[in-house]
PDB file of N, CA and C in Angstrom:
ATOM      1  N   MET A   1       7.092  14.140  -8.921  1.00  0.00           N
ATOM      2  CA  MET A   1       8.022  13.033  -8.749  1.00  0.00           C
ATOM      3  C   MET A   1       7.320  11.896  -7.997  1.00  0.00           C
ATOM      4  N   LYS A   2       7.499  10.712  -8.515  1.00  0.00           N
ATOM      5  CA  LYS A   2       6.847   9.563  -7.894  1.00  0.00           C
ATOM      6  C   LYS A   2       7.791   8.849  -6.941  1.00  0.00           C
ATOM      7  N   ASN A   3       7.182   8.092  -6.036  1.00  0.00           N
ATOM      8  CA  ASN A   3       7.925   7.330  -5.035  1.00  0.00           C
ATOM      9  C   ASN A   3       7.495   5.869  -5.076  1.00  0.00           C
ATOM     10  N   LEU A   4       8.389   5.025  -4.617  1.00  0.00           N
ATOM     11  CA  LEU A   4       8.051   3.634  -4.353  1.00  0.00           C
ATOM     12  C   LEU A   4       7.724   3.554  -2.874  1.00  0.00           C
ATOM     13  N   TYR A   5       6.512   3.134  -2.556  1.00  0.00           N
ATOM     14  CA  TYR A   5       6.063   2.973  -1.177  1.00  0.00           C
ATOM     15  C   TYR A   5       6.097   1.490  -0.830  1.00  0.00           C
ATOM     16  N   ILE A   6       6.631   1.165   0.337  1.00  0.00           N
ATOM     17  CA  ILE A   6       6.586  -0.204   0.847  1.00  0.00           C
ATOM     18  C   ILE A   6       5.681  -0.163   2.077  1.00  0.00           C
ATOM     19  N   VAL A   7       4.455  -0.631   1.896  1.00  0.00           N
ATOM     20  CA  VAL A   7       3.398  -0.487   2.897  1.00  0.00           C
ATOM     21  C   VAL A   7       3.178  -1.820   3.611  1.00  0.00           C
ATOM     22  N   ASP A   8       3.190  -1.795   4.939  1.00  0.00           N
ATOM     23  CA  ASP A   8       2.843  -2.984   5.714  1.00  0.00           C
ATOM     24  C   ASP A   8       1.355  -3.280   5.532  1.00  0.00           C
ATOM     25  N   TYR A   9       1.030  -4.564   5.392  1.00  0.00           N
ATOM     26  CA  TYR A   9      -0.370  -4.959   5.250  1.00  0.00           C
ATOM     27  C   TYR A   9      -1.115  -4.624   6.539  1.00  0.00           C
ATOM     28  N   TRP A  10      -2.325  -4.153   6.425  1.00  0.00           N
ATOM     29  CA  TRP A  10      -3.068  -3.540   7.522  1.00  0.00           C
ATOM     30  C   TRP A  10      -4.130  -4.415   8.157  1.00  0.00           C
ATOM     31  N   VAL A  11      -4.334  -5.617   7.666  1.00  0.00           N
ATOM     32  CA  VAL A  11      -5.362  -6.485   8.240  1.00  0.00           C
ATOM     33  C   VAL A  11      -4.764  -7.236   9.426  1.00  0.00           C
ATOM     34  N   PRO A  12      -5.379  -7.144  10.603  1.00  0.00           N
ATOM     35  CA  PRO A  12      -4.806  -7.727  11.823  1.00  0.00           C
ATOM     36  C   PRO A  12      -4.962  -9.245  11.908  1.00  0.00           C
ATOM     37  N   PHE A  13      -4.164  -9.840  12.770  1.00  0.00           N
ATOM     38  CA  PHE A  13      -4.273 -11.254  13.110  1.00  0.00           C
ATOM     39  C   PHE A  13      -5.631 -11.474  13.781  1.00  0.00           C
ATOM     40  N   PRO A  14      -6.373 -12.493  13.573  1.00  0.00           N
ATOM     41  CA  PRO A  14      -6.066 -13.700  12.816  1.00  0.00           C
ATOM     42  C   PRO A  14      -6.555 -13.661  11.371  1.00  0.00           C
ATOM     43  N   GLN A  15      -7.221 -12.582  10.936  1.00  0.00           N
ATOM     44  CA  GLN A  15      -7.682 -12.522   9.552  1.00  0.00           C
ATOM     45  C   GLN A  15      -6.503 -12.583   8.581  1.00  0.00           C
ATOM     46  N   SER A  16      -5.415 -11.928   8.939  1.00  0.00           N
ATOM     47  CA  SER A  16      -4.185 -12.011   8.171  1.00  0.00           C
ATOM     48  C   SER A  16      -3.170 -12.655   9.100  1.00  0.00           C
ATOM     49  N   GLU A  17      -2.956 -13.940   8.905  1.00  0.00           N
ATOM     50  CA  GLU A  17      -2.206 -14.717   9.888  1.00  0.00           C
ATOM     51  C   GLU A  17      -0.799 -14.181  10.149  1.00  0.00           C
ATOM     52  N   TYR A  18      -0.095 -13.801   9.126  1.00  0.00           N
ATOM     53  CA  TYR A  18       1.286 -13.334   9.323  1.00  0.00           C
ATOM     54  C   TYR A  18       1.534 -11.919   8.829  1.00  0.00           C
ATOM     55  N   GLY A  19       0.631 -11.353   8.064  1.00  0.00           N
ATOM     56  CA  GLY A  19       0.801  -9.996   7.569  1.00  0.00           C
ATOM     57  C   GLY A  19       1.247  -9.975   6.133  1.00  0.00           C
ATOM     58  N   GLY A  20       2.100  -9.014   5.796  1.00  0.00           N
ATOM     59  CA  GLY A  20       2.598  -8.901   4.440  1.00  0.00           C
ATOM     60  C   GLY A  20       2.998  -7.479   4.119  1.00  0.00           C
ATOM     61  N   ILE A  21       3.373  -7.275   2.858  1.00  0.00           N
ATOM     62  CA  ILE A  21       3.721  -5.939   2.386  1.00  0.00           C
ATOM     63  C   ILE A  21       3.113  -5.732   1.006  1.00  0.00           C
ATOM     64  N   VAL A  22       2.910  -4.456   0.679  1.00  0.00           N
ATOM     65  CA  VAL A  22       2.398  -4.082  -0.631  1.00  0.00           C
ATOM     66  C   VAL A  22       3.305  -2.976  -1.159  1.00  0.00           C
ATOM     67  N   ASN A  23       3.820  -3.158  -2.373  1.00  0.00           N
ATOM     68  CA  ASN A  23       4.669  -2.160  -3.016  1.00  0.00           C
ATOM     69  C   ASN A  23       3.838  -1.371  -4.019  1.00  0.00           C
ATOM     70  N   VAL A  24       3.885  -0.046  -3.879  1.00  0.00           N
ATOM     71  CA  VAL A  24       3.053   0.829  -4.703  1.00  0.00           C
ATOM     72  C   VAL A  24       3.895   1.979  -5.239  1.00  0.00           C
ATOM     73  N   ILE A  25       3.661   2.347  -6.484  1.00  0.00           N
ATOM     74  CA  ILE A  25       4.263   3.555  -7.052  1.00  0.00           C
ATOM     75  C   ILE A  25       3.176   4.618  -7.110  1.00  0.00           C
ATOM     76  N   ALA A  26       3.482   5.797  -6.557  1.00  0.00           N
ATOM     77  CA  ALA A  26       2.525   6.904  -6.554  1.00  0.00           C
ATOM     78  C   ALA A  26       3.256   8.207  -6.216  1.00  0.00           C
ATOM     79  N   GLU A  27       2.552   9.320  -6.433  1.00  0.00           N
ATOM     80  CA  GLU A  27       3.131  10.634  -6.110  1.00  0.00           C
ATOM     81  C   GLU A  27       2.902  11.039  -4.664  1.00  0.00           C
ATOM     82  N   THR A  28       1.739  10.696  -4.117  1.00  0.00           N
ATOM     83  CA  THR A  28       1.372  11.175  -2.781  1.00  0.00           C
ATOM     84  C   THR A  28       0.796  10.048  -1.940  1.00  0.00           C
ATOM     85  N   ASP A  29       0.756  10.291  -0.629  1.00  0.00           N
ATOM     86  CA  ASP A  29       0.118   9.338   0.291  1.00  0.00           C
ATOM     87  C   ASP A  29      -1.347   9.118  -0.088  1.00  0.00           C
ATOM     88  N   SER A  30      -2.020  10.189  -0.471  1.00  0.00           N
ATOM     89  CA  SER A  30      -3.436  10.092  -0.848  1.00  0.00           C
ATOM     90  C   SER A  30      -3.641   9.192  -2.060  1.00  0.00           C
ATOM     91  N   GLU A  31      -2.740   9.305  -3.028  1.00  0.00           N
ATOM     92  CA  GLU A  31      -2.848   8.455  -4.214  1.00  0.00           C
ATOM     93  C   GLU A  31      -2.637   6.986  -3.850  1.00  0.00           C
ATOM     94  N   VAL A  32      -1.690   6.711  -2.959  1.00  0.00           N
ATOM     95  CA  VAL A  32      -1.467   5.335  -2.503  1.00  0.00           C
ATOM     96  C   VAL A  32      -2.728   4.816  -1.827  1.00  0.00           C
ATOM     97  N   PHE A  33      -3.305   5.614  -0.947  1.00  0.00           N
ATOM     98  CA  PHE A  33      -4.529   5.201  -0.261  1.00  0.00           C
ATOM     99  C   PHE A  33      -5.628   4.853  -1.263  1.00  0.00           C
ATOM    100  N   GLU A  34      -5.841   5.706  -2.253  1.00  0.00           N
ATOM    101  CA  GLU A  34      -6.877   5.458  -3.256  1.00  0.00           C
ATOM    102  C   GLU A  34      -6.632   4.154  -4.005  1.00  0.00           C
ATOM    103  N   LEU A  35      -5.386   3.900  -4.368  1.00  0.00           N
ATOM    104  CA  LEU A  35      -5.057   2.661  -5.082  1.00  0.00           C
ATOM    105  C   LEU A  35      -5.329   1.434  -4.216  1.00  0.00           C
ATOM    106  N   LEU A  36      -4.922   1.498  -2.959  1.00  0.00           N
ATOM    107  CA  LEU A  36      -5.094   0.350  -2.067  1.00  0.00           C
ATOM    108  C   LEU A  36      -6.555   0.157  -1.673  1.00  0.00           C
ATOM    109  N   ALA A  37      -7.249   1.239  -1.378  1.00  0.00           N
ATOM    110  CA  ALA A  37      -8.654   1.145  -0.970  1.00  0.00           C
ATOM    111  C   ALA A  37      -9.529   0.636  -2.108  1.00  0.00           C
ATOM    112  N   GLY A  38      -9.132   0.899  -3.342  1.00  0.00           N
ATOM    113  CA  GLY A  38      -9.922   0.478  -4.491  1.00  0.00           C
ATOM    114  C   GLY A  38      -9.617  -0.925  -4.990  1.00  0.00           C
ATOM    115  N   GLU A  39      -8.617  -1.562  -4.422  1.00  0.00           N
ATOM    116  CA  GLU A  39      -8.219  -2.899  -4.867  1.00  0.00           C
ATOM    117  C   GLU A  39      -9.158  -3.952  -4.284  1.00  0.00           C
ATOM    118  N   GLU A  40      -9.782  -4.720  -5.145  1.00  0.00           N
ATOM    119  CA  GLU A  40     -10.784  -5.698  -4.716  1.00  0.00           C
ATOM    120  C   GLU A  40     -10.209  -6.866  -3.926  1.00  0.00           C
ATOM    121  N   GLN A  41      -8.951  -7.211  -4.130  1.00  0.00           N
ATOM    122  CA  GLN A  41      -8.390  -8.383  -3.441  1.00  0.00           C
ATOM    123  C   GLN A  41      -8.135  -8.133  -1.958  1.00  0.00           C
ATOM    124  N   PHE A  42      -8.160  -6.871  -1.529  1.00  0.00           N
ATOM    125  CA  PHE A  42      -7.909  -6.562  -0.123  1.00  0.00           C
ATOM    126  C   PHE A  42      -9.218  -6.466   0.644  1.00  0.00           C
ATOM    127  N   ASN A  43      -9.196  -6.881   1.906  1.00  0.00           N
ATOM    128  CA  ASN A  43     -10.367  -6.878   2.772  1.00  0.00           C
ATOM    129  C   ASN A  43     -10.787  -5.439   3.089  1.00  0.00           C
ATOM    130  N   SER A  44     -11.967  -5.039   2.626  1.00  0.00           N
ATOM    131  CA  SER A  44     -12.432  -3.656   2.815  1.00  0.00           C
ATOM    132  C   SER A  44     -12.909  -3.369   4.240  1.00  0.00           C
ATOM    133  N   THR A  45     -13.043  -4.380   5.069  1.00  0.00           N
ATOM    134  CA  THR A  45     -13.467  -4.187   6.458  1.00  0.00           C
ATOM    135  C   THR A  45     -12.491  -3.294   7.223  1.00  0.00           C
ATOM    136  N   TYR A  46     -11.225  -3.344   6.856  1.00  0.00           N
ATOM    137  CA  TYR A  46     -10.179  -2.629   7.596  1.00  0.00           C
ATOM    138  C   TYR A  46      -9.647  -1.416   6.840  1.00  0.00           C
ATOM    139  N   ILE A  47     -10.480  -0.796   6.015  1.00  0.00           N
ATOM    140  CA  ILE A  47     -10.058   0.327   5.195  1.00  0.00           C
ATOM    141  C   ILE A  47      -9.509   1.493   6.037  1.00  0.00           C
ATOM    142  N   SER A  48     -10.001   1.645   7.251  1.00  0.00           N
ATOM    143  CA  SER A  48      -9.539   2.741   8.114  1.00  0.00           C
ATOM    144  C   SER A  48      -8.091   2.545   8.569  1.00  0.00           C
ATOM    145  N   ARG A  49      -7.555   1.355   8.420  1.00  0.00           N
ATOM    146  CA  ARG A  49      -6.177   1.073   8.837  1.00  0.00           C
ATOM    147  C   ARG A  49      -5.158   1.315   7.722  1.00  0.00           C
ATOM    148  N   ILE A  50      -5.634   1.587   6.515  1.00  0.00           N
ATOM    149  CA  ILE A  50      -4.708   1.741   5.388  1.00  0.00           C
ATOM    150  C   ILE A  50      -3.867   3.009   5.529  1.00  0.00           C
ATOM    151  N   MET A  51      -4.511   4.163   5.703  1.00  0.00           N
ATOM    152  CA  MET A  51      -3.780   5.434   5.690  1.00  0.00           C
ATOM    153  C   MET A  51      -2.685   5.504   6.751  1.00  0.00           C
ATOM    154  N   PRO A  52      -2.900   5.074   7.998  1.00  0.00           N
ATOM    155  CA  PRO A  52      -1.795   5.115   8.960  1.00  0.00           C
ATOM    156  C   PRO A  52      -0.575   4.310   8.482  1.00  0.00           C
ATOM    157  N   ASN A  53      -0.813   3.192   7.809  1.00  0.00           N
ATOM    158  CA  ASN A  53       0.306   2.393   7.307  1.00  0.00           C
ATOM    159  C   ASN A  53       0.959   3.048   6.101  1.00  0.00           C
ATOM    160  N   VAL A  54       0.191   3.778   5.303  1.00  0.00           N
ATOM    161  CA  VAL A  54       0.761   4.512   4.173  1.00  0.00           C
ATOM    162  C   VAL A  54       1.669   5.620   4.696  1.00  0.00           C
ATOM    163  N   VAL A  55       1.211   6.338   5.707  1.00  0.00           N
ATOM    164  CA  VAL A  55       1.987   7.456   6.262  1.00  0.00           C
ATOM    165  C   VAL A  55       3.321   6.974   6.829  1.00  0.00           C
ATOM    166  N   LYS A  56       3.337   5.813   7.494  1.00  0.00           N
ATOM    167  CA  LYS A  56       4.585   5.330   8.082  1.00  0.00           C
ATOM    168  C   LYS A  56       5.382   4.405   7.147  1.00  0.00           C
ATOM    169  N   ALA A  57       4.918   4.245   5.906  1.00  0.00           N
ATOM    170  CA  ALA A  57       5.607   3.382   4.940  1.00  0.00           C
ATOM    171  C   ALA A  57       6.971   3.956   4.561  1.00  0.00           C
ATOM    172  N   GLN A  58       7.878   3.056   4.196  1.00  0.00           N
ATOM    173  CA  GLN A  58       9.148   3.494   3.624  1.00  0.00           C
ATOM    174  C   GLN A  58       8.852   4.048   2.243  1.00  0.00           C
ATOM    175  N   LYS A  59       9.495   5.186   1.904  1.00  0.00           N
ATOM    176  CA  LYS A  59       9.280   5.839   0.613  1.00  0.00           C
ATOM    177  C   LYS A  59      10.635   6.057  -0.054  1.00  0.00           C
ATOM    178  N   PHE A  60      10.713   5.650  -1.305  1.00  0.00           N
ATOM    179  CA  PHE A  60      11.952   5.801  -2.063  1.00  0.00           C
ATOM    180  C   PHE A  60      11.662   6.598  -3.330  1.00  0.00           C
ATOM    181  N   PRO A  61      12.325   7.748  -3.516  1.00  0.00           N
ATOM    182  CA  PRO A  61      12.086   8.549  -4.724  1.00  0.00           C
ATOM    183  C   PRO A  61      12.562   7.813  -5.977  1.00  0.00           C
ATOM    184  N   LEU A  62      11.793   7.951  -7.032  1.00  0.00           N
ATOM    185  CA  LEU A  62      12.120   7.317  -8.303  1.00  0.00           C
ATOM    186  C   LEU A  62      12.637   8.369  -9.282  1.00  0.00           C
ATOM    187  N   VAL A  63      13.701   8.061  -9.963  1.00  0.00           N
ATOM    188  CA  VAL A  63      14.321   9.003 -10.894  1.00  0.00           C
ATOM    189  C   VAL A  63      13.550   9.053 -12.208  1.00  0.00           C
ATOM    190  N   ASP A  64      13.172   7.900 -12.728  1.00  0.00           N
ATOM    191  CA  ASP A  64      12.450   7.836 -13.996  1.00  0.00           C
ATOM    192  C   ASP A  64      10.951   7.926 -13.762  1.00  0.00           C
ATOM    193  N   GLU A  65      10.224   8.173 -14.852  1.00  0.00           N
ATOM    194  CA  GLU A  65       8.766   8.229 -14.781  1.00  0.00           C
ATOM    195  C   GLU A  65       8.188   6.820 -14.855  1.00  0.00           C
ATOM    196  N   TYR A  66       7.305   6.508 -13.937  1.00  0.00           N
ATOM    197  CA  TYR A  66       6.617   5.232 -13.898  1.00  0.00           C
ATOM    198  C   TYR A  66       5.129   5.479 -13.753  1.00  0.00           C
ATOM    199  N   LYS A  67       4.347   4.543 -14.220  1.00  0.00           N
ATOM    200  CA  LYS A  67       2.898   4.621 -14.060  1.00  0.00           C
ATOM    201  C   LYS A  67       2.549   4.283 -12.609  1.00  0.00           C
ATOM    202  N   SER A  68       1.608   5.029 -12.044  1.00  0.00           N
ATOM    203  CA  SER A  68       1.146   4.742 -10.676  1.00  0.00           C
ATOM    204  C   SER A  68       0.418   3.412 -10.636  1.00  0.00           C
ATOM    205  N   GLY A  69       0.593   2.694  -9.546  1.00  0.00           N
ATOM    206  CA  GLY A  69      -0.124   1.441  -9.380  1.00  0.00           C
ATOM    207  C   GLY A  69       0.512   0.538  -8.354  1.00  0.00           C
ATOM    208  N   ILE A  70      -0.183  -0.548  -8.077  1.00  0.00           N
ATOM    209  CA  ILE A  70       0.334  -1.564  -7.164  1.00  0.00           C
ATOM    210  C   ILE A  70       1.293  -2.440  -7.963  1.00  0.00           C
ATOM    211  N   ILE A  71       2.523  -2.518  -7.504  1.00  0.00           N
ATOM    212  CA  ILE A  71       3.554  -3.271  -8.220  1.00  0.00           C
ATOM    213  C   ILE A  71       3.556  -4.729  -7.793  1.00  0.00           C
ATOM    214  N   GLU A  72       3.502  -4.946  -6.490  1.00  0.00           N
ATOM    215  CA  GLU A  72       3.570  -6.306  -5.938  1.00  0.00           C
ATOM    216  C   GLU A  72       2.867  -6.314  -4.595  1.00  0.00           C
ATOM    217  N   ALA A  73       2.178  -7.398  -4.307  1.00  0.00           N
ATOM    218  CA  ALA A  73       1.536  -7.558  -3.006  1.00  0.00           C
ATOM    219  C   ALA A  73       1.799  -8.976  -2.514  1.00  0.00           C
ATOM    220  N   PHE A  74       2.341  -9.067  -1.311  1.00  0.00           N
ATOM    221  CA  PHE A  74       2.505 -10.352  -0.666  1.00  0.00           C
ATOM    222  C   PHE A  74       1.788 -10.271   0.679  1.00  0.00           C
ATOM    223  N   VAL A  75       0.634 -10.919   0.747  1.00  0.00           N
ATOM    224  CA  VAL A  75      -0.157 -10.893   1.974  1.00  0.00           C
ATOM    225  C   VAL A  75      -0.608 -12.314   2.312  1.00  0.00           C
ATOM    226  N   THR A  76      -0.773 -12.582   3.613  1.00  0.00           N
ATOM    227  CA  THR A  76      -1.210 -13.913   4.027  1.00  0.00           C
ATOM    228  C   THR A  76      -2.569 -13.839   4.677  1.00  0.00           C
TER     229      THR A  76
END
């Protein structure tokens, strides 16, 4: 069963002036981490901060089957 994860953006101020959120569909925390860590648009300098934010992310179970991936990202 897959979940919708709402993950707080992990890059600290001032590199990310206001922050943001990233919405991801995945089965596990590990899968979310892999998707986010592999995304080229995100700053790889702070990769160690991704997993803690994935673990504390809001998770919503999905009833239907969806493809895993990043759905939306709003970051500053």
